[in-house]
Amino acid sequence: MRRIFVCLLLLVAGCRAQGPATEAVPADLQQKIVRQVRATFSYPPYVDIAVGARKPSHEFAGFDEVTVTASYKGQSSVKTMLLSKDNKTLVAATKMDLTRDPQAEMMAKIDLTGRPVRGNKLAKVTMVVYDDFQCPYCSRMHQSITEVLKTYGDRVRVIYKDYPLFEIHPWAERAALDSDCLARQSEGAYWDFADLVHGNPQQIRGDKRPLEGQLAELDRMAVEIGKKHSADEGALRKCIDTQATRDEIGASVKEAETLGVEATPAVIIDGVKLDGALPIEELKLILDRELKNLGAAQ
């Protein structure tokens, strides 16, 4: 029975993949590595740097792999580096998989279903903006985009998604709710609302108007714009009163966070993420480059 148990144990052990043999890096060599890494990456003295064991590299002949971990106040960053067999060279390399398209992968994570489009719906270049209606920088970005579309409107499509910063902008969520209710009935109404809110935040604030008054003003603006676009007023008011688009906003916020969005405005142009309100000239340069890459006329 004991023999059977031992055989089973050996069998189980044999089924496990065996990793490459590791070897501790001598203390003097660790010190050299730490000094080089600290100087090369400009790590300040209070950041701790630790060197892990070395193991053979299966991709780069003549090199082993070592991990270098930089730590400070509970946060850490780990880099895998290549150490030559003769201990004379350390290479900090980033491996990139050229079979993947990171820009296409980012765009695939963005759900554009049912979102209003400004510009050419069939354009090759797509600009997605994670927007907060109460954010002054978003308003600045909105005006820049509006201006840029006068030149690029036939070659670019612009799509806004919701990212209201609840903690610091108390009426941003209501504006998103109202805009999405309008979008259910009319793209034009959505964009008119976006233009009005981004262009006239003082109309919402009023003269020291309390928050409830600001929310009511947003609702009034949405209904008036809906009327101009022949929206079903009853359906629109019901959507606003029941806050029917709240789940859509929550999904948009979660989506943005998976893409690394932390502040507004966040602009993604064909999978390239840009943070902050971009100057018009910089935005034009980015669009020109993307149009050139796609072979589209500038």
C-alpha atoms as a PDB file:
ATOM      1  CA  MET A   1       0.000   0.000   0.000  1.00  0.00           C
ATOM      2  CA  ARG A   2       2.831   2.357   0.892  1.00  0.00           C
ATOM      3  CA  ARG A   3       4.486   1.602  -2.465  1.00  0.00           C
ATOM      4  CA  ILE A   4       1.249   2.457  -4.306  1.00  0.00           C
ATOM      5  CA  PHE A   5       1.005   5.748  -2.396  1.00  0.00           C
ATOM      6  CA  VAL A   6       4.594   6.671  -3.294  1.00  0.00           C
ATOM      7  CA  CYS A   7       3.969   5.837  -6.957  1.00  0.00           C
ATOM      8  CA  LEU A   8       0.862   7.981  -7.011  1.00  0.00           C
ATOM      9  CA  LEU A   9       2.779  10.812  -5.417  1.00  0.00           C
ATOM     10  CA  LEU A  10       5.499  10.569  -8.056  1.00  0.00           C
ATOM     11  CA  LEU A  11       2.879  10.435 -10.794  1.00  0.00           C
ATOM     12  CA  VAL A  12       1.207  13.589  -9.543  1.00  0.00           C
ATOM     13  CA  ALA A  13       4.549  15.332  -9.230  1.00  0.00           C
ATOM     14  CA  GLY A  14       5.416  14.344 -12.780  1.00  0.00           C
ATOM     15  CA  CYS A  15       2.250  15.925 -14.162  1.00  0.00           C
ATOM     16  CA  ARG A  16       3.258  19.399 -13.056  1.00  0.00           C
ATOM     17  CA  ALA A  17       5.114  21.651 -15.427  1.00  0.00           C
ATOM     18  CA  GLN A  18       8.591  22.261 -14.113  1.00  0.00           C
ATOM     19  CA  GLY A  19       9.772  25.842 -14.359  1.00  0.00           C
ATOM     20  CA  PRO A  20      13.295  26.826 -15.334  1.00  0.00           C
ATOM     21  CA  ALA A  21      15.945  26.601 -12.659  1.00  0.00           C
ATOM     22  CA  THR A  22      16.482  29.846 -10.789  1.00  0.00           C
ATOM     23  CA  GLU A  23      19.647  31.168  -9.208  1.00  0.00           C
ATOM     24  CA  ALA A  24      20.078  33.887  -6.631  1.00  0.00           C
ATOM     25  CA  VAL A  25      21.916  36.995  -7.813  1.00  0.00           C
ATOM     26  CA  PRO A  26      25.045  37.630  -5.688  1.00  0.00           C
ATOM     27  CA  ALA A  27      24.846  40.609  -3.344  1.00  0.00           C
ATOM     28  CA  ASP A  28      27.586  42.610  -5.091  1.00  0.00           C
ATOM     29  CA  LEU A  29      25.890  42.166  -8.472  1.00  0.00           C
ATOM     30  CA  GLN A  30      22.517  43.100  -6.949  1.00  0.00           C
ATOM     31  CA  GLN A  31      24.070  46.347  -5.732  1.00  0.00           C
ATOM     32  CA  LYS A  32      25.365  47.138  -9.230  1.00  0.00           C
ATOM     33  CA  ILE A  33      21.953  46.448 -10.732  1.00  0.00           C
ATOM     34  CA  VAL A  34      20.183  48.609  -8.139  1.00  0.00           C
ATOM     35  CA  ARG A  35      22.516  51.539  -8.812  1.00  0.00           C
ATOM     36  CA  GLN A  36      22.095  51.300 -12.572  1.00  0.00           C
ATOM     37  CA  VAL A  37      18.311  50.999 -12.366  1.00  0.00           C
ATOM     38  CA  ARG A  38      18.014  53.887  -9.906  1.00  0.00           C
ATOM     39  CA  ALA A  39      20.105  56.141 -12.143  1.00  0.00           C
ATOM     40  CA  THR A  40      18.548  55.073 -15.448  1.00  0.00           C
ATOM     41  CA  PHE A  41      14.922  55.436 -14.326  1.00  0.00           C
ATOM     42  CA  SER A  42      15.567  58.374 -11.938  1.00  0.00           C
ATOM     43  CA  TYR A  43      14.175  56.607  -8.880  1.00  0.00           C
ATOM     44  CA  PRO A  44      14.555  58.824  -5.775  1.00  0.00           C
ATOM     45  CA  PRO A  45      16.475  57.483  -2.742  1.00  0.00           C
ATOM     46  CA  TYR A  46      13.324  56.698  -0.737  1.00  0.00           C
ATOM     47  CA  VAL A  47      12.142  54.142  -3.333  1.00  0.00           C
ATOM     48  CA  ASP A  48      13.249  50.618  -2.436  1.00  0.00           C
ATOM     49  CA  ILE A  49      14.627  48.507  -5.295  1.00  0.00           C
ATOM     50  CA  ALA A  50      14.868  44.716  -5.027  1.00  0.00           C
ATOM     51  CA  VAL A  51      16.414  42.250  -7.473  1.00  0.00           C
ATOM     52  CA  GLY A  52      14.829  38.816  -7.853  1.00  0.00           C
ATOM     53  CA  ALA A  53      16.431  35.498  -8.781  1.00  0.00           C
ATOM     54  CA  ARG A  54      17.740  34.976 -12.296  1.00  0.00           C
ATOM     55  CA  LYS A  55      16.456  32.321 -14.680  1.00  0.00           C
ATOM     56  CA  PRO A  56      17.458  31.395 -18.224  1.00  0.00           C
ATOM     57  CA  SER A  57      15.848  33.348 -21.035  1.00  0.00           C
ATOM     58  CA  HIS A  58      14.349  31.105 -23.701  1.00  0.00           C
ATOM     59  CA  GLU A  59      14.052  33.969 -26.191  1.00  0.00           C
ATOM     60  CA  PHE A  60      17.401  35.750 -25.952  1.00  0.00           C
ATOM     61  CA  ALA A  61      20.561  33.674 -26.190  1.00  0.00           C
ATOM     62  CA  GLY A  62      23.339  34.710 -23.837  1.00  0.00           C
ATOM     63  CA  PHE A  63      20.935  36.345 -21.359  1.00  0.00           C
ATOM     64  CA  ASP A  64      19.064  35.452 -18.193  1.00  0.00           C
ATOM     65  CA  GLU A  65      15.913  37.118 -16.908  1.00  0.00           C
ATOM     66  CA  VAL A  66      15.734  38.987 -13.593  1.00  0.00           C
ATOM     67  CA  THR A  67      12.861  40.889 -12.040  1.00  0.00           C
ATOM     68  CA  VAL A  68      13.513  44.322 -10.556  1.00  0.00           C
ATOM     69  CA  THR A  69      10.863  45.639  -8.176  1.00  0.00           C
ATOM     70  CA  ALA A  70      10.604  49.303  -7.164  1.00  0.00           C
ATOM     71  CA  SER A  71       8.465  49.879  -4.043  1.00  0.00           C
ATOM     72  CA  TYR A  72       7.234  52.883  -2.071  1.00  0.00           C
ATOM     73  CA  LYS A  73       4.483  53.091   0.571  1.00  0.00           C
ATOM     74  CA  GLY A  74       2.827  49.830  -0.348  1.00  0.00           C
ATOM     75  CA  GLN A  75       2.864  50.404  -4.110  1.00  0.00           C
ATOM     76  CA  SER A  76       5.254  48.620  -6.415  1.00  0.00           C
ATOM     77  CA  SER A  77       6.295  48.390 -10.036  1.00  0.00           C
ATOM     78  CA  VAL A  78       7.886  45.239 -11.443  1.00  0.00           C
ATOM     79  CA  LYS A  79      10.132  45.148 -14.521  1.00  0.00           C
ATOM     80  CA  THR A  80      11.579  42.044 -16.155  1.00  0.00           C
ATOM     81  CA  MET A  81      15.114  42.725 -17.386  1.00  0.00           C
ATOM     82  CA  LEU A  82      17.765  40.777 -19.266  1.00  0.00           C
ATOM     83  CA  LEU A  83      21.104  40.089 -17.571  1.00  0.00           C
ATOM     84  CA  SER A  84      23.974  38.872 -19.717  1.00  0.00           C
ATOM     85  CA  LYS A  85      25.599  35.573 -18.786  1.00  0.00           C
ATOM     86  CA  ASP A  86      28.891  37.382 -18.128  1.00  0.00           C
ATOM     87  CA  ASN A  87      27.137  39.816 -15.736  1.00  0.00           C
ATOM     88  CA  LYS A  88      28.355  42.828 -17.707  1.00  0.00           C
ATOM     89  CA  THR A  89      25.157  44.021 -19.360  1.00  0.00           C
ATOM     90  CA  LEU A  90      21.627  44.705 -18.128  1.00  0.00           C
ATOM     91  CA  VAL A  91      18.910  45.329 -20.715  1.00  0.00           C
ATOM     92  CA  ALA A  92      15.538  46.894 -19.891  1.00  0.00           C
ATOM     93  CA  ALA A  93      13.346  45.679 -22.731  1.00  0.00           C
ATOM     94  CA  THR A  94       9.620  45.845 -23.359  1.00  0.00           C
ATOM     95  CA  LYS A  95       8.285  42.882 -25.285  1.00  0.00           C
ATOM     96  CA  MET A  96       5.554  43.782 -27.772  1.00  0.00           C
ATOM     97  CA  ASP A  97       3.351  41.323 -29.601  1.00  0.00           C
ATOM     98  CA  LEU A  98       3.174  42.514 -33.204  1.00  0.00           C
ATOM     99  CA  THR A  99       0.356  40.087 -33.941  1.00  0.00           C
ATOM    100  CA  ARG A 100      -1.953  42.277 -31.815  1.00  0.00           C
ATOM    101  CA  ASP A 101      -3.380  45.707 -32.614  1.00  0.00           C
ATOM    102  CA  PRO A 102      -3.716  47.551 -29.271  1.00  0.00           C
ATOM    103  CA  GLN A 103      -5.694  50.402 -30.842  1.00  0.00           C
ATOM    104  CA  ALA A 104      -8.244  48.038 -32.363  1.00  0.00           C
ATOM    105  CA  GLU A 105      -8.457  46.156 -29.069  1.00  0.00           C
ATOM    106  CA  MET A 106      -9.244  49.379 -27.197  1.00  0.00           C
ATOM    107  CA  MET A 107     -11.933  50.372 -29.682  1.00  0.00           C
ATOM    108  CA  ALA A 108     -13.473  46.910 -29.399  1.00  0.00           C
ATOM    109  CA  LYS A 109     -14.021  47.549 -25.675  1.00  0.00           C
ATOM    110  CA  ILE A 110     -16.158  50.636 -26.370  1.00  0.00           C
ATOM    111  CA  ASP A 111     -19.871  50.090 -26.878  1.00  0.00           C
ATOM    112  CA  LEU A 112     -21.126  52.666 -29.376  1.00  0.00           C
ATOM    113  CA  THR A 113     -24.558  51.094 -29.808  1.00  0.00           C
ATOM    114  CA  GLY A 114     -27.261  53.742 -30.051  1.00  0.00           C
ATOM    115  CA  ARG A 115     -24.961  56.660 -29.287  1.00  0.00           C
ATOM    116  CA  PRO A 116     -25.576  59.899 -31.232  1.00  0.00           C
ATOM    117  CA  VAL A 117     -23.006  60.653 -33.918  1.00  0.00           C
ATOM    118  CA  ARG A 118     -21.784  64.047 -35.033  1.00  0.00           C
ATOM    119  CA  GLY A 119     -19.920  64.341 -38.311  1.00  0.00           C
ATOM    120  CA  ASN A 120     -19.859  61.645 -40.966  1.00  0.00           C
ATOM    121  CA  LYS A 121     -21.358  58.390 -39.646  1.00  0.00           C
ATOM    122  CA  LEU A 122     -19.318  56.442 -42.212  1.00  0.00           C
ATOM    123  CA  ALA A 123     -16.028  58.230 -41.525  1.00  0.00           C
ATOM    124  CA  LYS A 124     -12.871  56.177 -41.116  1.00  0.00           C
ATOM    125  CA  VAL A 125     -11.734  58.141 -38.045  1.00  0.00           C
ATOM    126  CA  THR A 126     -13.723  57.770 -34.822  1.00  0.00           C
ATOM    127  CA  MET A 127     -13.368  60.163 -31.896  1.00  0.00           C
ATOM    128  CA  VAL A 128     -14.932  58.979 -28.625  1.00  0.00           C
ATOM    129  CA  VAL A 129     -15.206  61.531 -25.824  1.00  0.00           C
ATOM    130  CA  TYR A 130     -15.928  60.564 -22.207  1.00  0.00           C
ATOM    131  CA  ASP A 131     -17.770  63.679 -21.147  1.00  0.00           C
ATOM    132  CA  ASP A 132     -18.984  65.407 -17.987  1.00  0.00           C
ATOM    133  CA  PHE A 133     -21.515  68.184 -18.677  1.00  0.00           C
ATOM    134  CA  GLN A 134     -20.481  70.165 -15.571  1.00  0.00           C
ATOM    135  CA  CYS A 135     -16.733  69.944 -16.209  1.00  0.00           C
ATOM    136  CA  PRO A 136     -15.343  73.284 -17.459  1.00  0.00           C
ATOM    137  CA  TYR A 137     -12.525  71.498 -19.297  1.00  0.00           C
ATOM    138  CA  CYS A 138     -15.118  69.346 -21.075  1.00  0.00           C
ATOM    139  CA  SER A 139     -16.889  72.510 -22.166  1.00  0.00           C
ATOM    140  CA  ARG A 140     -13.613  73.816 -23.549  1.00  0.00           C
ATOM    141  CA  MET A 141     -13.029  70.501 -25.342  1.00  0.00           C
ATOM    142  CA  HIS A 142     -16.586  70.558 -26.689  1.00  0.00           C
ATOM    143  CA  GLN A 143     -16.014  73.945 -28.259  1.00  0.00           C
ATOM    144  CA  SER A 144     -12.714  72.788 -29.786  1.00  0.00           C
ATOM    145  CA  ILE A 145     -14.394  69.717 -31.290  1.00  0.00           C
ATOM    146  CA  THR A 146     -17.250  71.829 -32.636  1.00  0.00           C
ATOM    147  CA  GLU A 147     -14.747  74.118 -34.315  1.00  0.00           C
ATOM    148  CA  VAL A 148     -12.656  71.255 -35.701  1.00  0.00           C
ATOM    149  CA  LEU A 149     -15.723  69.567 -37.198  1.00  0.00           C
ATOM    150  CA  LYS A 150     -16.216  72.591 -39.430  1.00  0.00           C
ATOM    151  CA  THR A 151     -13.105  71.400 -41.298  1.00  0.00           C
ATOM    152  CA  TYR A 152     -13.098  67.643 -40.644  1.00  0.00           C
ATOM    153  CA  GLY A 153     -16.819  66.883 -40.349  1.00  0.00           C
ATOM    154  CA  ASP A 154     -16.916  64.818 -43.554  1.00  0.00           C
ATOM    155  CA  ARG A 155     -13.945  62.657 -42.497  1.00  0.00           C
ATOM    156  CA  VAL A 156     -14.479  62.210 -38.757  1.00  0.00           C
ATOM    157  CA  ARG A 157     -17.306  60.941 -36.583  1.00  0.00           C
ATOM    158  CA  VAL A 158     -17.590  62.118 -32.975  1.00  0.00           C
ATOM    159  CA  ILE A 159     -19.390  60.145 -30.268  1.00  0.00           C
ATOM    160  CA  TYR A 160     -19.869  61.224 -26.652  1.00  0.00           C
ATOM    161  CA  LYS A 161     -20.155  58.805 -23.754  1.00  0.00           C
ATOM    162  CA  ASP A 162     -21.078  59.567 -20.156  1.00  0.00           C
ATOM    163  CA  TYR A 163     -18.530  59.946 -17.376  1.00  0.00           C
ATOM    164  CA  PRO A 164     -20.107  62.305 -14.810  1.00  0.00           C
ATOM    165  CA  LEU A 165     -17.871  62.982 -11.821  1.00  0.00           C
ATOM    166  CA  PHE A 166     -20.557  62.575  -9.152  1.00  0.00           C
ATOM    167  CA  GLU A 167     -18.361  63.566  -6.229  1.00  0.00           C
ATOM    168  CA  ILE A 168     -17.452  67.065  -7.442  1.00  0.00           C
ATOM    169  CA  HIS A 169     -20.142  67.893 -10.008  1.00  0.00           C
ATOM    170  CA  PRO A 170     -23.589  67.606  -8.376  1.00  0.00           C
ATOM    171  CA  TRP A 171     -25.709  68.130 -11.514  1.00  0.00           C
ATOM    172  CA  ALA A 172     -23.521  66.321 -14.041  1.00  0.00           C
ATOM    173  CA  GLU A 173     -25.413  63.049 -13.661  1.00  0.00           C
ATOM    174  CA  ARG A 174     -28.811  64.703 -14.198  1.00  0.00           C
ATOM    175  CA  ALA A 175     -27.512  66.365 -17.347  1.00  0.00           C
ATOM    176  CA  ALA A 176     -26.307  62.970 -18.586  1.00  0.00           C
ATOM    177  CA  LEU A 177     -29.677  61.418 -17.751  1.00  0.00           C
ATOM    178  CA  ASP A 178     -31.568  64.144 -19.620  1.00  0.00           C
ATOM    179  CA  SER A 179     -29.259  63.997 -22.628  1.00  0.00           C
ATOM    180  CA  ASP A 180     -29.641  60.244 -22.935  1.00  0.00           C
ATOM    181  CA  CYS A 181     -33.421  60.545 -22.722  1.00  0.00           C
ATOM    182  CA  LEU A 182     -33.261  62.984 -25.631  1.00  0.00           C
ATOM    183  CA  ALA A 183     -30.911  60.668 -27.537  1.00  0.00           C
ATOM    184  CA  ARG A 184     -33.537  57.911 -27.402  1.00  0.00           C
ATOM    185  CA  GLN A 185     -35.750  60.056 -29.628  1.00  0.00           C
ATOM    186  CA  SER A 186     -33.498  62.382 -31.595  1.00  0.00           C
ATOM    187  CA  GLU A 187     -29.766  62.681 -32.288  1.00  0.00           C
ATOM    188  CA  GLY A 188     -30.232  66.336 -33.145  1.00  0.00           C
ATOM    189  CA  ALA A 189     -31.912  66.995 -29.804  1.00  0.00           C
ATOM    190  CA  TYR A 190     -29.014  65.330 -27.987  1.00  0.00           C
ATOM    191  CA  TRP A 191     -26.446  67.524 -29.698  1.00  0.00           C
ATOM    192  CA  ASP A 192     -28.479  70.705 -29.211  1.00  0.00           C
ATOM    193  CA  PHE A 193     -28.660  69.880 -25.496  1.00  0.00           C
ATOM    194  CA  ALA A 194     -24.900  69.228 -25.386  1.00  0.00           C
ATOM    195  CA  ASP A 195     -24.244  72.556 -27.129  1.00  0.00           C
ATOM    196  CA  LEU A 196     -26.555  74.448 -24.776  1.00  0.00           C
ATOM    197  CA  VAL A 197     -25.277  72.936 -21.529  1.00  0.00           C
ATOM    198  CA  HIS A 198     -21.589  73.127 -22.439  1.00  0.00           C
ATOM    199  CA  GLY A 199     -22.009  76.634 -23.789  1.00  0.00           C
ATOM    200  CA  ASN A 200     -24.199  78.071 -20.997  1.00  0.00           C
ATOM    201  CA  PRO A 201     -23.402  76.550 -17.613  1.00  0.00           C
ATOM    202  CA  GLN A 202     -24.309  79.872 -15.979  1.00  0.00           C
ATOM    203  CA  GLN A 203     -27.902  79.411 -17.177  1.00  0.00           C
ATOM    204  CA  ILE A 204     -28.096  76.264 -15.049  1.00  0.00           C
ATOM    205  CA  ARG A 205     -26.401  77.739 -12.011  1.00  0.00           C
ATOM    206  CA  GLY A 206     -28.473  80.888 -12.136  1.00  0.00           C
ATOM    207  CA  ASP A 207     -27.992  83.494  -9.402  1.00  0.00           C
ATOM    208  CA  LYS A 208     -27.028  81.225  -6.511  1.00  0.00           C
ATOM    209  CA  ARG A 209     -29.813  78.829  -7.486  1.00  0.00           C
ATOM    210  CA  PRO A 210     -30.025  75.802  -5.124  1.00  0.00           C
ATOM    211  CA  LEU A 211     -29.215  72.355  -6.495  1.00  0.00           C
ATOM    212  CA  GLU A 212     -32.866  71.345  -6.836  1.00  0.00           C
ATOM    213  CA  GLY A 213     -33.431  74.444  -8.935  1.00  0.00           C
ATOM    214  CA  GLN A 214     -30.448  73.593 -11.128  1.00  0.00           C
ATOM    215  CA  LEU A 215     -31.783  70.087 -11.720  1.00  0.00           C
ATOM    216  CA  ALA A 216     -35.203  71.495 -12.582  1.00  0.00           C
ATOM    217  CA  GLU A 217     -33.610  73.907 -15.047  1.00  0.00           C
ATOM    218  CA  LEU A 218     -31.799  71.031 -16.778  1.00  0.00           C
ATOM    219  CA  ASP A 219     -35.089  69.145 -17.093  1.00  0.00           C
ATOM    220  CA  ARG A 220     -36.826  72.247 -18.471  1.00  0.00           C
ATOM    221  CA  MET A 221     -34.055  72.759 -21.044  1.00  0.00           C
ATOM    222  CA  ALA A 222     -34.294  69.128 -22.132  1.00  0.00           C
ATOM    223  CA  VAL A 223     -38.070  69.291 -22.591  1.00  0.00           C
ATOM    224  CA  GLU A 224     -37.866  72.537 -24.585  1.00  0.00           C
ATOM    225  CA  ILE A 225     -35.224  71.105 -26.884  1.00  0.00           C
ATOM    226  CA  GLY A 226     -37.293  67.947 -27.260  1.00  0.00           C
ATOM    227  CA  LYS A 227     -40.270  70.001 -28.415  1.00  0.00           C
ATOM    228  CA  LYS A 228     -38.155  71.685 -31.097  1.00  0.00           C
ATOM    229  CA  HIS A 229     -37.256  68.245 -32.454  1.00  0.00           C
ATOM    230  CA  SER A 230     -40.829  66.923 -32.329  1.00  0.00           C
ATOM    231  CA  ALA A 231     -40.027  64.452 -29.560  1.00  0.00           C
ATOM    232  CA  ASP A 232     -42.817  62.589 -27.779  1.00  0.00           C
ATOM    233  CA  GLU A 233     -43.106  64.922 -24.793  1.00  0.00           C
ATOM    234  CA  GLY A 234     -44.902  62.412 -22.607  1.00  0.00           C
ATOM    235  CA  ALA A 235     -42.286  59.719 -23.203  1.00  0.00           C
ATOM    236  CA  LEU A 236     -39.499  62.244 -22.677  1.00  0.00           C
ATOM    237  CA  ARG A 237     -40.898  63.490 -19.367  1.00  0.00           C
ATOM    238  CA  LYS A 238     -41.432  59.914 -18.167  1.00  0.00           C
ATOM    239  CA  CYS A 239     -37.829  59.016 -19.079  1.00  0.00           C
ATOM    240  CA  ILE A 240     -36.557  62.069 -17.171  1.00  0.00           C
ATOM    241  CA  ASP A 241     -38.820  61.573 -14.137  1.00  0.00           C
ATOM    242  CA  THR A 242     -37.962  57.887 -13.749  1.00  0.00           C
ATOM    243  CA  GLN A 243     -34.274  58.466 -14.587  1.00  0.00           C
ATOM    244  CA  ALA A 244     -34.618  55.591 -17.010  1.00  0.00           C
ATOM    245  CA  THR A 245     -31.120  55.931 -18.442  1.00  0.00           C
ATOM    246  CA  ARG A 246     -29.272  55.550 -15.131  1.00  0.00           C
ATOM    247  CA  ASP A 247     -28.099  52.007 -15.941  1.00  0.00           C
ATOM    248  CA  GLU A 248     -26.713  53.189 -19.273  1.00  0.00           C
ATOM    249  CA  ILE A 249     -24.681  55.848 -17.492  1.00  0.00           C
ATOM    250  CA  GLY A 250     -23.373  53.334 -14.957  1.00  0.00           C
ATOM    251  CA  ALA A 251     -22.283  51.015 -17.771  1.00  0.00           C
ATOM    252  CA  SER A 252     -20.537  53.889 -19.528  1.00  0.00           C
ATOM    253  CA  VAL A 253     -18.633  54.817 -16.367  1.00  0.00           C
ATOM    254  CA  LYS A 254     -17.521  51.215 -15.794  1.00  0.00           C
ATOM    255  CA  GLU A 255     -16.442  50.924 -19.408  1.00  0.00           C
ATOM    256  CA  ALA A 256     -14.381  54.106 -19.138  1.00  0.00           C
ATOM    257  CA  GLU A 257     -12.636  52.834 -16.024  1.00  0.00           C
ATOM    258  CA  THR A 258     -11.606  49.615 -17.795  1.00  0.00           C
ATOM    259  CA  LEU A 259      -9.918  51.839 -20.394  1.00  0.00           C
ATOM    260  CA  GLY A 260      -7.967  53.741 -17.750  1.00  0.00           C
ATOM    261  CA  VAL A 261     -10.125  56.871 -17.760  1.00  0.00           C
ATOM    262  CA  GLU A 262      -9.775  58.720 -14.458  1.00  0.00           C
ATOM    263  CA  ALA A 263     -10.679  62.306 -15.344  1.00  0.00           C
ATOM    264  CA  THR A 264     -12.555  64.309 -17.936  1.00  0.00           C
ATOM    265  CA  PRO A 265     -12.414  65.002 -20.726  1.00  0.00           C
ATOM    266  CA  ALA A 266     -10.878  61.775 -22.000  1.00  0.00           C
ATOM    267  CA  VAL A 267     -10.645  61.516 -25.781  1.00  0.00           C
ATOM    268  CA  ILE A 268      -9.973  58.293 -27.672  1.00  0.00           C
ATOM    269  CA  ILE A 269      -9.176  58.684 -31.367  1.00  0.00           C
ATOM    270  CA  ASP A 270      -9.122  55.325 -33.144  1.00  0.00           C
ATOM    271  CA  GLY A 271      -7.875  53.621 -29.988  1.00  0.00           C
ATOM    272  CA  VAL A 272      -5.339  56.257 -28.911  1.00  0.00           C
ATOM    273  CA  LYS A 273      -6.274  57.712 -25.505  1.00  0.00           C
ATOM    274  CA  LEU A 274      -5.657  61.407 -24.849  1.00  0.00           C
ATOM    275  CA  ASP A 275      -6.313  63.128 -21.537  1.00  0.00           C
ATOM    276  CA  GLY A 276      -7.454  66.679 -20.924  1.00  0.00           C
ATOM    277  CA  ALA A 277      -8.787  69.498 -23.073  1.00  0.00           C
ATOM    278  CA  LEU A 278      -6.624  69.476 -26.189  1.00  0.00           C
ATOM    279  CA  PRO A 279      -5.864  72.743 -27.975  1.00  0.00           C
ATOM    280  CA  ILE A 280      -7.454  72.983 -31.413  1.00  0.00           C
ATOM    281  CA  GLU A 281      -4.120  72.938 -33.250  1.00  0.00           C
ATOM    282  CA  GLU A 282      -2.992  69.816 -31.413  1.00  0.00           C
ATOM    283  CA  LEU A 283      -6.299  68.116 -32.170  1.00  0.00           C
ATOM    284  CA  LYS A 284      -5.914  68.957 -35.848  1.00  0.00           C
ATOM    285  CA  LEU A 285      -2.398  67.508 -35.928  1.00  0.00           C
ATOM    286  CA  ILE A 286      -3.631  64.245 -34.404  1.00  0.00           C
ATOM    287  CA  LEU A 287      -6.506  63.994 -36.890  1.00  0.00           C
ATOM    288  CA  ASP A 288      -4.204  64.775 -39.831  1.00  0.00           C
ATOM    289  CA  ARG A 289      -1.813  62.028 -38.768  1.00  0.00           C
ATOM    290  CA  GLU A 290      -4.599  59.474 -38.355  1.00  0.00           C
ATOM    291  CA  LEU A 291      -6.171  60.368 -41.698  1.00  0.00           C
ATOM    292  CA  LYS A 292      -2.764  60.003 -43.333  1.00  0.00           C
ATOM    293  CA  ASN A 293      -2.210  56.613 -41.696  1.00  0.00           C
ATOM    294  CA  LEU A 294      -5.585  55.444 -43.015  1.00  0.00           C
ATOM    295  CA  GLY A 295      -4.908  56.795 -46.504  1.00  0.00           C
ATOM    296  CA  ALA A 296      -7.819  59.206 -46.272  1.00  0.00           C
ATOM    297  CA  ALA A 297      -7.675  62.644 -47.848  1.00  0.00           C
ATOM    298  CA  GLN A 298      -6.685  65.397 -45.452  1.00  0.00           C
END
